[in-house]
Structure formats: structure tokens, C-alpha cells
Amino acid sequence: MRGLNRRQASEVAGLFLGGLVMLVLTVYTAGRTLPAAGILGEEIRARVLHCETKGGGRGGTYTECAAQRVGDGGAEASPGAVKVRYEGAAGDVIAVRSTPWGSYAAVRTDLPGRAVALAAPLFLLMFAAFLTGGGVFYLRTPPNRR
């Protein structure tokens, strides 16, 4: 790198590597949250068959439900149940969207849930741009002003 000593070069490399890591986290987070916001993935309607509470990490729990795809008239469509995290009751007909990894996510209809689902990837993207921009700014700053 032009005119940089070893410490400065490692700082710039760290900024660019941090930006790259944040970009990867942005893509992963978008794949996890945007289907729940109703933006990404194919939407289907499904009737919840049954739900069970499962243990999550650090002592938390979540509810996982099995749901059957339904057609336009409410009749069962293609065979096979889909698993989805949903805090509701059996018999509910809900909108679910496919995720990039082949699973399904229940579409959130509450405003705070959708806002968080949209804000999380945007926040990470802004942080990735901040880190990368810091590296570019450092490289473009004249050596006598660093």
C-alpha cells in the first residue's frame, strides 16, 4: 500500500475486512428478516395444524408450528406440512413466505415487527459502508495529515 507503514496498513486492512464481514452479516440478516416483513420470498397461505414450544438458547423458548398449505378456497393444496415459528393457535390461516434457505417464515402484520425486520439489515449495511468508507478515507488522506 502506497506510503503506509505496517501499522497503518493493518488498520486499513482491518477497516476493509470489517466492512466485508458486516456486508456478509447484512446479506444473512436480510435473508432471515425480510421474508417476515413480507418483502422477500414466495408467499403462500397455510393453516396451522399444531404448535409446540421448544427450548431456545440461553433458557429462552419459541413456538414452532406445523402448517398445511391451503388454496384460494381454503381447501388443502399441495401435500406436505411446512414448519414455521408462529405465536398463534391451531386452525389459524396465516401468510408465510419462503426464505432463501428453503424454510418458511410467518409474515408479521404488526408495525413494530415489520419496522425491526426492515431496520436490521439497513443498520448493518450502514455500518458496513461506514467501515469501508473509513478505509477509503484513510487511503485518500495525504501522508502528512494522518
N, C-alpha and C. Protein backbone atom coordinates (compact mmCIF):
# COMPACT_ATOMS: atom_id res chain seq x y z
N MET A 1 0.86 -1.17 0.00
CA MET A 1 0.00 0.00 0.00
C MET A 1 0.90 1.23 0.00
N ARG A 2 0.55 2.19 -0.77
CA ARG A 2 1.44 3.31 -1.01
C ARG A 2 1.62 4.21 0.22
N GLY A 3 2.84 4.35 0.62
CA GLY A 3 3.20 5.27 1.68
C GLY A 3 2.67 4.91 3.06
N LEU A 4 2.30 3.69 3.31
CA LEU A 4 1.78 3.30 4.61
C LEU A 4 2.80 2.42 5.33
N ASN A 5 2.96 2.65 6.62
CA ASN A 5 3.81 1.74 7.37
C ASN A 5 2.99 0.52 7.76
N ARG A 6 3.59 -0.42 8.44
CA ARG A 6 2.92 -1.70 8.74
C ARG A 6 1.68 -1.49 9.60
N ARG A 7 1.75 -0.63 10.60
CA ARG A 7 0.60 -0.38 11.47
C ARG A 7 -0.56 0.25 10.70
N GLN A 8 -0.26 1.24 9.88
CA GLN A 8 -1.30 1.88 9.09
C GLN A 8 -1.93 0.92 8.10
N ALA A 9 -1.09 0.08 7.47
CA ALA A 9 -1.61 -0.89 6.52
C ALA A 9 -2.54 -1.89 7.21
N SER A 10 -2.19 -2.29 8.43
CA SER A 10 -3.05 -3.23 9.14
C SER A 10 -4.35 -2.56 9.57
N GLU A 11 -4.32 -1.28 9.90
CA GLU A 11 -5.55 -0.56 10.25
C GLU A 11 -6.48 -0.47 9.05
N VAL A 12 -5.93 -0.14 7.88
CA VAL A 12 -6.75 -0.05 6.67
C VAL A 12 -7.31 -1.42 6.31
N ALA A 13 -6.47 -2.45 6.40
CA ALA A 13 -6.94 -3.81 6.10
C ALA A 13 -8.04 -4.22 7.08
N GLY A 14 -7.91 -3.84 8.34
CA GLY A 14 -8.93 -4.14 9.33
C GLY A 14 -10.25 -3.46 9.02
N LEU A 15 -10.18 -2.21 8.56
CA LEU A 15 -11.41 -1.50 8.20
C LEU A 15 -12.10 -2.17 7.02
N PHE A 16 -11.32 -2.54 6.00
CA PHE A 16 -11.92 -3.19 4.84
C PHE A 16 -12.46 -4.58 5.19
N LEU A 17 -11.72 -5.33 6.02
CA LEU A 17 -12.18 -6.65 6.43
C LEU A 17 -13.45 -6.53 7.29
N GLY A 18 -13.47 -5.55 8.17
CA GLY A 18 -14.68 -5.31 8.97
C GLY A 18 -15.87 -4.96 8.10
N GLY A 19 -15.63 -4.15 7.06
CA GLY A 19 -16.71 -3.81 6.13
C GLY A 19 -17.22 -5.04 5.40
N LEU A 20 -16.31 -5.92 5.01
CA LEU A 20 -16.71 -7.15 4.31
C LEU A 20 -17.51 -8.06 5.22
N VAL A 21 -17.07 -8.21 6.46
CA VAL A 21 -17.80 -9.05 7.41
C VAL A 21 -19.19 -8.48 7.65
N MET A 22 -19.29 -7.16 7.80
CA MET A 22 -20.60 -6.54 8.01
C MET A 22 -21.50 -6.71 6.79
N LEU A 23 -20.92 -6.71 5.60
CA LEU A 23 -21.71 -6.92 4.39
C LEU A 23 -22.27 -8.34 4.35
N VAL A 24 -21.45 -9.32 4.73
CA VAL A 24 -21.92 -10.71 4.79
C VAL A 24 -23.04 -10.84 5.83
N LEU A 25 -22.88 -10.21 7.00
CA LEU A 25 -23.93 -10.24 8.02
C LEU A 25 -25.20 -9.55 7.54
N THR A 26 -25.05 -8.51 6.72
CA THR A 26 -26.21 -7.82 6.16
C THR A 26 -27.01 -8.76 5.26
N VAL A 27 -26.32 -9.49 4.39
CA VAL A 27 -27.00 -10.42 3.49
C VAL A 27 -27.70 -11.52 4.29
N TYR A 28 -27.02 -12.07 5.29
CA TYR A 28 -27.62 -13.12 6.11
C TYR A 28 -28.85 -12.59 6.86
N THR A 29 -28.71 -11.42 7.47
CA THR A 29 -29.82 -10.84 8.23
C THR A 29 -30.99 -10.51 7.32
N ALA A 30 -30.71 -10.01 6.13
CA ALA A 30 -31.79 -9.72 5.18
C ALA A 30 -32.52 -11.00 4.79
N GLY A 31 -31.79 -12.08 4.61
CA GLY A 31 -32.42 -13.35 4.27
C GLY A 31 -33.27 -13.90 5.40
N ARG A 32 -32.93 -13.56 6.64
CA ARG A 32 -33.71 -14.03 7.79
C ARG A 32 -34.90 -13.12 8.10
N THR A 33 -34.76 -11.81 7.90
CA THR A 33 -35.80 -10.89 8.36
C THR A 33 -36.76 -10.41 7.27
N LEU A 34 -36.29 -10.26 6.04
CA LEU A 34 -37.16 -9.70 5.00
C LEU A 34 -38.34 -10.60 4.63
N PRO A 35 -38.23 -11.94 4.67
CA PRO A 35 -39.45 -12.73 4.45
C PRO A 35 -40.52 -12.47 5.52
N ALA A 36 -40.11 -12.28 6.76
CA ALA A 36 -41.07 -11.99 7.84
C ALA A 36 -41.73 -10.62 7.66
N ALA A 37 -41.04 -9.72 6.96
CA ALA A 37 -41.62 -8.40 6.69
C ALA A 37 -42.52 -8.43 5.46
N GLY A 38 -42.55 -9.56 4.75
CA GLY A 38 -43.40 -9.68 3.57
C GLY A 38 -42.78 -9.13 2.31
N ILE A 39 -41.45 -9.03 2.26
CA ILE A 39 -40.78 -8.43 1.11
C ILE A 39 -40.09 -9.47 0.24
N LEU A 40 -39.47 -10.46 0.85
CA LEU A 40 -38.66 -11.42 0.13
C LEU A 40 -39.32 -12.79 0.16
N GLY A 41 -39.25 -13.54 -0.92
CA GLY A 41 -39.75 -14.91 -0.95
C GLY A 41 -41.16 -15.01 -1.51
N GLU A 42 -41.52 -16.25 -1.85
CA GLU A 42 -42.84 -16.54 -2.40
C GLU A 42 -43.84 -16.69 -1.25
N GLU A 43 -44.95 -16.00 -1.36
CA GLU A 43 -45.95 -16.06 -0.30
C GLU A 43 -46.96 -17.15 -0.57
N ILE A 44 -47.28 -17.91 0.48
CA ILE A 44 -48.34 -18.91 0.41
C ILE A 44 -49.22 -18.74 1.64
N ARG A 45 -50.42 -19.29 1.57
CA ARG A 45 -51.33 -19.31 2.71
C ARG A 45 -51.26 -20.69 3.32
N ALA A 46 -51.29 -20.76 4.65
CA ALA A 46 -51.19 -22.05 5.33
C ALA A 46 -52.08 -22.05 6.57
N ARG A 47 -52.66 -23.22 6.85
CA ARG A 47 -53.48 -23.41 8.04
C ARG A 47 -52.62 -24.10 9.09
N VAL A 48 -52.56 -23.50 10.27
CA VAL A 48 -51.76 -24.06 11.36
C VAL A 48 -52.44 -25.34 11.86
N LEU A 49 -51.67 -26.45 11.86
CA LEU A 49 -52.19 -27.74 12.32
C LEU A 49 -51.98 -27.93 13.82
N HIS A 50 -50.76 -27.75 14.27
CA HIS A 50 -50.46 -27.87 15.70
C HIS A 50 -49.18 -27.11 16.00
N CYS A 51 -49.03 -26.73 17.26
CA CYS A 51 -47.86 -25.97 17.68
C CYS A 51 -47.25 -26.64 18.92
N GLU A 52 -45.94 -26.47 19.07
CA GLU A 52 -45.26 -26.95 20.27
C GLU A 52 -44.18 -25.95 20.66
N THR A 53 -44.00 -25.82 21.95
CA THR A 53 -42.98 -24.92 22.48
C THR A 53 -41.66 -25.66 22.58
N LYS A 54 -40.62 -25.04 22.06
CA LYS A 54 -39.29 -25.65 22.08
C LYS A 54 -38.34 -24.75 22.85
N GLY A 55 -37.30 -25.35 23.38
CA GLY A 55 -36.29 -24.60 24.11
C GLY A 55 -35.32 -23.93 23.17
N GLY A 56 -35.08 -22.68 23.41
CA GLY A 56 -34.11 -21.94 22.62
C GLY A 56 -32.82 -21.78 23.39
N GLY A 57 -31.92 -21.02 22.86
CA GLY A 57 -30.65 -20.77 23.52
C GLY A 57 -30.81 -19.87 24.73
N ARG A 58 -29.93 -20.02 25.69
CA ARG A 58 -29.88 -19.21 26.91
C ARG A 58 -31.19 -19.24 27.71
N GLY A 59 -31.83 -20.38 27.72
CA GLY A 59 -33.02 -20.54 28.55
C GLY A 59 -34.30 -20.00 27.94
N GLY A 60 -34.26 -19.45 26.73
CA GLY A 60 -35.46 -18.94 26.09
C GLY A 60 -36.25 -20.05 25.42
N THR A 61 -37.44 -19.73 25.02
CA THR A 61 -38.28 -20.68 24.29
C THR A 61 -38.87 -20.01 23.06
N TYR A 62 -39.33 -20.83 22.14
CA TYR A 62 -40.04 -20.34 20.97
C TYR A 62 -41.10 -21.36 20.59
N THR A 63 -42.07 -20.94 19.82
CA THR A 63 -43.16 -21.82 19.40
C THR A 63 -42.98 -22.15 17.93
N GLU A 64 -42.92 -23.45 17.63
CA GLU A 64 -42.81 -23.91 16.26
C GLU A 64 -44.11 -24.61 15.90
N CYS A 65 -44.66 -24.25 14.74
CA CYS A 65 -45.93 -24.81 14.32
C CYS A 65 -45.77 -25.55 13.00
N ALA A 66 -46.57 -26.58 12.82
CA ALA A 66 -46.68 -27.26 11.54
C ALA A 66 -47.93 -26.71 10.87
N ALA A 67 -47.81 -26.35 9.60
CA ALA A 67 -48.93 -25.76 8.88
C ALA A 67 -49.09 -26.43 7.53
N GLN A 68 -50.33 -26.58 7.09
CA GLN A 68 -50.66 -27.19 5.80
C GLN A 68 -50.99 -26.10 4.80
N ARG A 69 -50.39 -26.16 3.63
CA ARG A 69 -50.70 -25.18 2.58
C ARG A 69 -52.17 -25.27 2.21
N VAL A 70 -52.78 -24.11 1.99
CA VAL A 70 -54.18 -24.08 1.56
C VAL A 70 -54.28 -23.30 0.27
N GLY A 71 -55.28 -23.64 -0.53
CA GLY A 71 -55.52 -22.96 -1.80
C GLY A 71 -56.38 -21.73 -1.60
N ASP A 72 -56.86 -21.17 -2.70
CA ASP A 72 -57.65 -19.94 -2.63
C ASP A 72 -58.98 -20.13 -1.92
N GLY A 73 -59.63 -21.28 -2.11
CA GLY A 73 -60.93 -21.51 -1.49
C GLY A 73 -60.84 -22.03 -0.08
N GLY A 74 -59.64 -22.16 0.48
CA GLY A 74 -59.48 -22.67 1.82
C GLY A 74 -59.24 -24.17 1.86
N ALA A 75 -59.32 -24.83 0.69
CA ALA A 75 -59.07 -26.26 0.64
C ALA A 75 -57.57 -26.52 0.69
N GLU A 76 -57.20 -27.70 1.17
CA GLU A 76 -55.78 -28.04 1.24
C GLU A 76 -55.20 -28.12 -0.16
N ALA A 77 -54.05 -27.55 -0.34
CA ALA A 77 -53.39 -27.54 -1.64
C ALA A 77 -52.39 -28.69 -1.70
N SER A 78 -51.17 -28.39 -2.09
CA SER A 78 -50.14 -29.42 -2.25
C SER A 78 -49.85 -30.10 -0.92
N PRO A 79 -49.53 -31.39 -0.96
CA PRO A 79 -49.27 -32.12 0.28
C PRO A 79 -47.96 -31.67 0.94
N GLY A 80 -47.86 -31.98 2.20
CA GLY A 80 -46.64 -31.65 2.93
C GLY A 80 -46.84 -30.45 3.83
N ALA A 81 -46.47 -30.63 5.08
CA ALA A 81 -46.60 -29.54 6.04
C ALA A 81 -45.33 -28.71 6.03
N VAL A 82 -45.49 -27.44 6.31
CA VAL A 82 -44.33 -26.56 6.44
C VAL A 82 -44.20 -26.21 7.92
N LYS A 83 -42.96 -26.05 8.39
CA LYS A 83 -42.71 -25.67 9.77
C LYS A 83 -42.42 -24.18 9.80
N VAL A 84 -43.00 -23.50 10.77
CA VAL A 84 -42.85 -22.06 10.86
C VAL A 84 -42.95 -21.65 12.33
N ARG A 85 -42.19 -20.62 12.71
CA ARG A 85 -42.33 -20.06 14.06
C ARG A 85 -43.52 -19.11 14.03
N TYR A 86 -44.47 -19.37 14.92
CA TYR A 86 -45.70 -18.58 14.94
C TYR A 86 -46.27 -18.60 16.34
N GLU A 87 -46.66 -17.46 16.85
CA GLU A 87 -47.26 -17.36 18.18
C GLU A 87 -48.77 -17.25 18.02
N GLY A 88 -49.40 -18.35 17.68
CA GLY A 88 -50.84 -18.33 17.49
C GLY A 88 -51.44 -19.66 17.90
N ALA A 89 -52.61 -19.96 17.35
CA ALA A 89 -53.33 -21.17 17.72
C ALA A 89 -53.54 -22.05 16.50
N ALA A 90 -53.79 -23.33 16.77
CA ALA A 90 -54.10 -24.27 15.70
C ALA A 90 -55.39 -23.83 15.01
N GLY A 91 -55.43 -23.97 13.71
CA GLY A 91 -56.60 -23.58 12.93
C GLY A 91 -56.47 -22.22 12.27
N ASP A 92 -55.55 -21.39 12.72
CA ASP A 92 -55.34 -20.08 12.11
C ASP A 92 -54.83 -20.25 10.68
N VAL A 93 -55.32 -19.43 9.77
CA VAL A 93 -54.79 -19.39 8.41
C VAL A 93 -53.88 -18.16 8.34
N ILE A 94 -52.61 -18.40 8.04
CA ILE A 94 -51.61 -17.33 8.07
C ILE A 94 -50.88 -17.25 6.73
N ALA A 95 -50.27 -16.11 6.49
CA ALA A 95 -49.42 -15.93 5.32
C ALA A 95 -48.00 -16.29 5.73
N VAL A 96 -47.34 -17.12 4.93
CA VAL A 96 -45.94 -17.46 5.17
C VAL A 96 -45.16 -17.22 3.89
N ARG A 97 -43.90 -16.91 4.02
CA ARG A 97 -43.02 -16.69 2.87
C ARG A 97 -41.81 -17.59 2.97
N SER A 98 -41.34 -18.03 1.81
CA SER A 98 -40.15 -18.87 1.78
C SER A 98 -38.91 -18.02 1.99
N THR A 99 -37.94 -18.60 2.68
CA THR A 99 -36.66 -17.93 2.90
C THR A 99 -35.65 -18.46 1.88
N PRO A 100 -34.52 -17.78 1.71
CA PRO A 100 -33.53 -18.26 0.74
C PRO A 100 -32.97 -19.64 1.07
N TRP A 101 -33.13 -20.10 2.31
CA TRP A 101 -32.58 -21.39 2.72
C TRP A 101 -33.59 -22.51 2.64
N GLY A 102 -34.79 -22.24 2.12
CA GLY A 102 -35.78 -23.28 1.93
C GLY A 102 -36.76 -23.45 3.08
N SER A 103 -36.62 -22.72 4.16
CA SER A 103 -37.58 -22.79 5.25
C SER A 103 -38.66 -21.74 5.02
N TYR A 104 -39.55 -21.61 5.97
CA TYR A 104 -40.65 -20.65 5.84
C TYR A 104 -40.69 -19.74 7.07
N ALA A 105 -41.15 -18.52 6.87
CA ALA A 105 -41.30 -17.55 7.96
C ALA A 105 -42.70 -16.97 7.90
N ALA A 106 -43.33 -16.86 9.06
CA ALA A 106 -44.65 -16.24 9.13
C ALA A 106 -44.51 -14.75 8.86
N VAL A 107 -45.39 -14.22 8.03
CA VAL A 107 -45.36 -12.78 7.71
C VAL A 107 -45.92 -12.01 8.89
N ARG A 108 -45.13 -11.06 9.37
CA ARG A 108 -45.56 -10.24 10.51
C ARG A 108 -46.49 -9.16 10.01
N THR A 109 -47.57 -8.96 10.74
CA THR A 109 -48.53 -7.93 10.35
C THR A 109 -48.47 -6.71 11.26
N ASP A 110 -47.74 -6.81 12.39
CA ASP A 110 -47.65 -5.67 13.30
C ASP A 110 -46.58 -4.70 12.82
N LEU A 111 -46.83 -3.43 12.99
CA LEU A 111 -45.91 -2.39 12.53
C LEU A 111 -44.54 -2.46 13.20
N PRO A 112 -44.44 -2.63 14.51
CA PRO A 112 -43.10 -2.71 15.12
C PRO A 112 -42.29 -3.90 14.60
N GLY A 113 -42.93 -5.04 14.41
CA GLY A 113 -42.22 -6.20 13.90
C GLY A 113 -41.69 -6.00 12.50
N ARG A 114 -42.51 -5.39 11.66
CA ARG A 114 -42.06 -5.10 10.29
C ARG A 114 -40.96 -4.05 10.28
N ALA A 115 -41.07 -3.06 11.16
CA ALA A 115 -40.06 -2.00 11.21
C ALA A 115 -38.71 -2.56 11.62
N VAL A 116 -38.70 -3.44 12.61
CA VAL A 116 -37.44 -4.05 13.05
C VAL A 116 -36.88 -4.93 11.93
N ALA A 117 -37.75 -5.68 11.25
CA ALA A 117 -37.30 -6.55 10.16
C ALA A 117 -36.67 -5.75 9.02
N LEU A 118 -37.14 -4.55 8.79
CA LEU A 118 -36.57 -3.69 7.75
C LEU A 118 -35.34 -2.95 8.24
N ALA A 119 -35.35 -2.54 9.51
CA ALA A 119 -34.25 -1.71 10.03
C ALA A 119 -32.98 -2.51 10.28
N ALA A 120 -33.09 -3.77 10.64
CA ALA A 120 -31.89 -4.55 10.99
C ALA A 120 -30.91 -4.65 9.82
N PRO A 121 -31.33 -5.06 8.62
CA PRO A 121 -30.35 -5.11 7.53
C PRO A 121 -29.86 -3.72 7.10
N LEU A 122 -30.72 -2.72 7.20
CA LEU A 122 -30.30 -1.37 6.82
C LEU A 122 -29.24 -0.83 7.78
N PHE A 123 -29.41 -1.10 9.07
CA PHE A 123 -28.42 -0.67 10.06
C PHE A 123 -27.07 -1.34 9.80
N LEU A 124 -27.08 -2.65 9.53
CA LEU A 124 -25.84 -3.36 9.25
C LEU A 124 -25.19 -2.86 7.96
N LEU A 125 -26.00 -2.55 6.96
CA LEU A 125 -25.46 -2.03 5.70
C LEU A 125 -24.82 -0.66 5.91
N MET A 126 -25.43 0.18 6.73
CA MET A 126 -24.84 1.49 7.02
C MET A 126 -23.52 1.33 7.76
N PHE A 127 -23.44 0.38 8.68
CA PHE A 127 -22.20 0.15 9.42
C PHE A 127 -21.11 -0.37 8.49
N ALA A 128 -21.48 -1.26 7.54
CA ALA A 128 -20.51 -1.77 6.56
C ALA A 128 -19.99 -0.62 5.71
N ALA A 129 -20.87 0.28 5.30
CA ALA A 129 -20.45 1.44 4.50
C ALA A 129 -19.55 2.36 5.32
N PHE A 130 -19.85 2.53 6.60
CA PHE A 130 -19.03 3.36 7.48
C PHE A 130 -17.61 2.80 7.60
N LEU A 131 -17.48 1.50 7.81
CA LEU A 131 -16.16 0.89 7.93
C LEU A 131 -15.38 0.99 6.62
N THR A 132 -16.03 0.65 5.52
CA THR A 132 -15.36 0.71 4.22
C THR A 132 -15.01 2.14 3.86
N GLY A 133 -15.91 3.07 4.14
CA GLY A 133 -15.62 4.47 3.88
C GLY A 133 -14.46 4.98 4.72
N GLY A 134 -14.33 4.48 5.95
CA GLY A 134 -13.20 4.85 6.79
C GLY A 134 -11.88 4.40 6.18
N GLY A 135 -11.88 3.19 5.60
CA GLY A 135 -10.67 2.70 4.93
C GLY A 135 -10.33 3.52 3.70
N VAL A 136 -11.34 3.88 2.93
CA VAL A 136 -11.11 4.70 1.73
C VAL A 136 -10.62 6.08 2.13
N PHE A 137 -11.24 6.68 3.14
CA PHE A 137 -10.83 8.00 3.61
C PHE A 137 -9.37 7.97 4.08
N TYR A 138 -9.00 6.91 4.81
CA TYR A 138 -7.63 6.78 5.31
C TYR A 138 -6.64 6.70 4.16
N LEU A 139 -7.00 5.96 3.11
CA LEU A 139 -6.10 5.84 1.97
C LEU A 139 -5.99 7.14 1.18
N ARG A 140 -7.06 7.91 1.14
CA ARG A 140 -7.04 9.14 0.34
C ARG A 140 -6.47 10.33 1.10
N THR A 141 -6.30 10.20 2.41
CA THR A 141 -5.73 11.28 3.20
C THR A 141 -4.22 11.37 2.91
N PRO A 142 -3.71 12.56 2.64
CA PRO A 142 -2.27 12.70 2.40
C PRO A 142 -1.46 12.23 3.60
N PRO A 143 -0.28 11.64 3.38
CA PRO A 143 0.53 11.09 4.48
C PRO A 143 0.85 12.10 5.57
N ASN A 144 1.00 13.36 5.24
CA ASN A 144 1.38 14.35 6.25
C ASN A 144 0.18 14.77 7.12
N ARG A 145 -1.04 14.31 6.80
CA ARG A 145 -2.23 14.69 7.57
C ARG A 145 -2.80 13.53 8.36
N ARG A 146 -2.14 12.38 8.36
CA ARG A 146 -2.66 11.21 9.10
C ARG A 146 -2.36 11.29 10.54
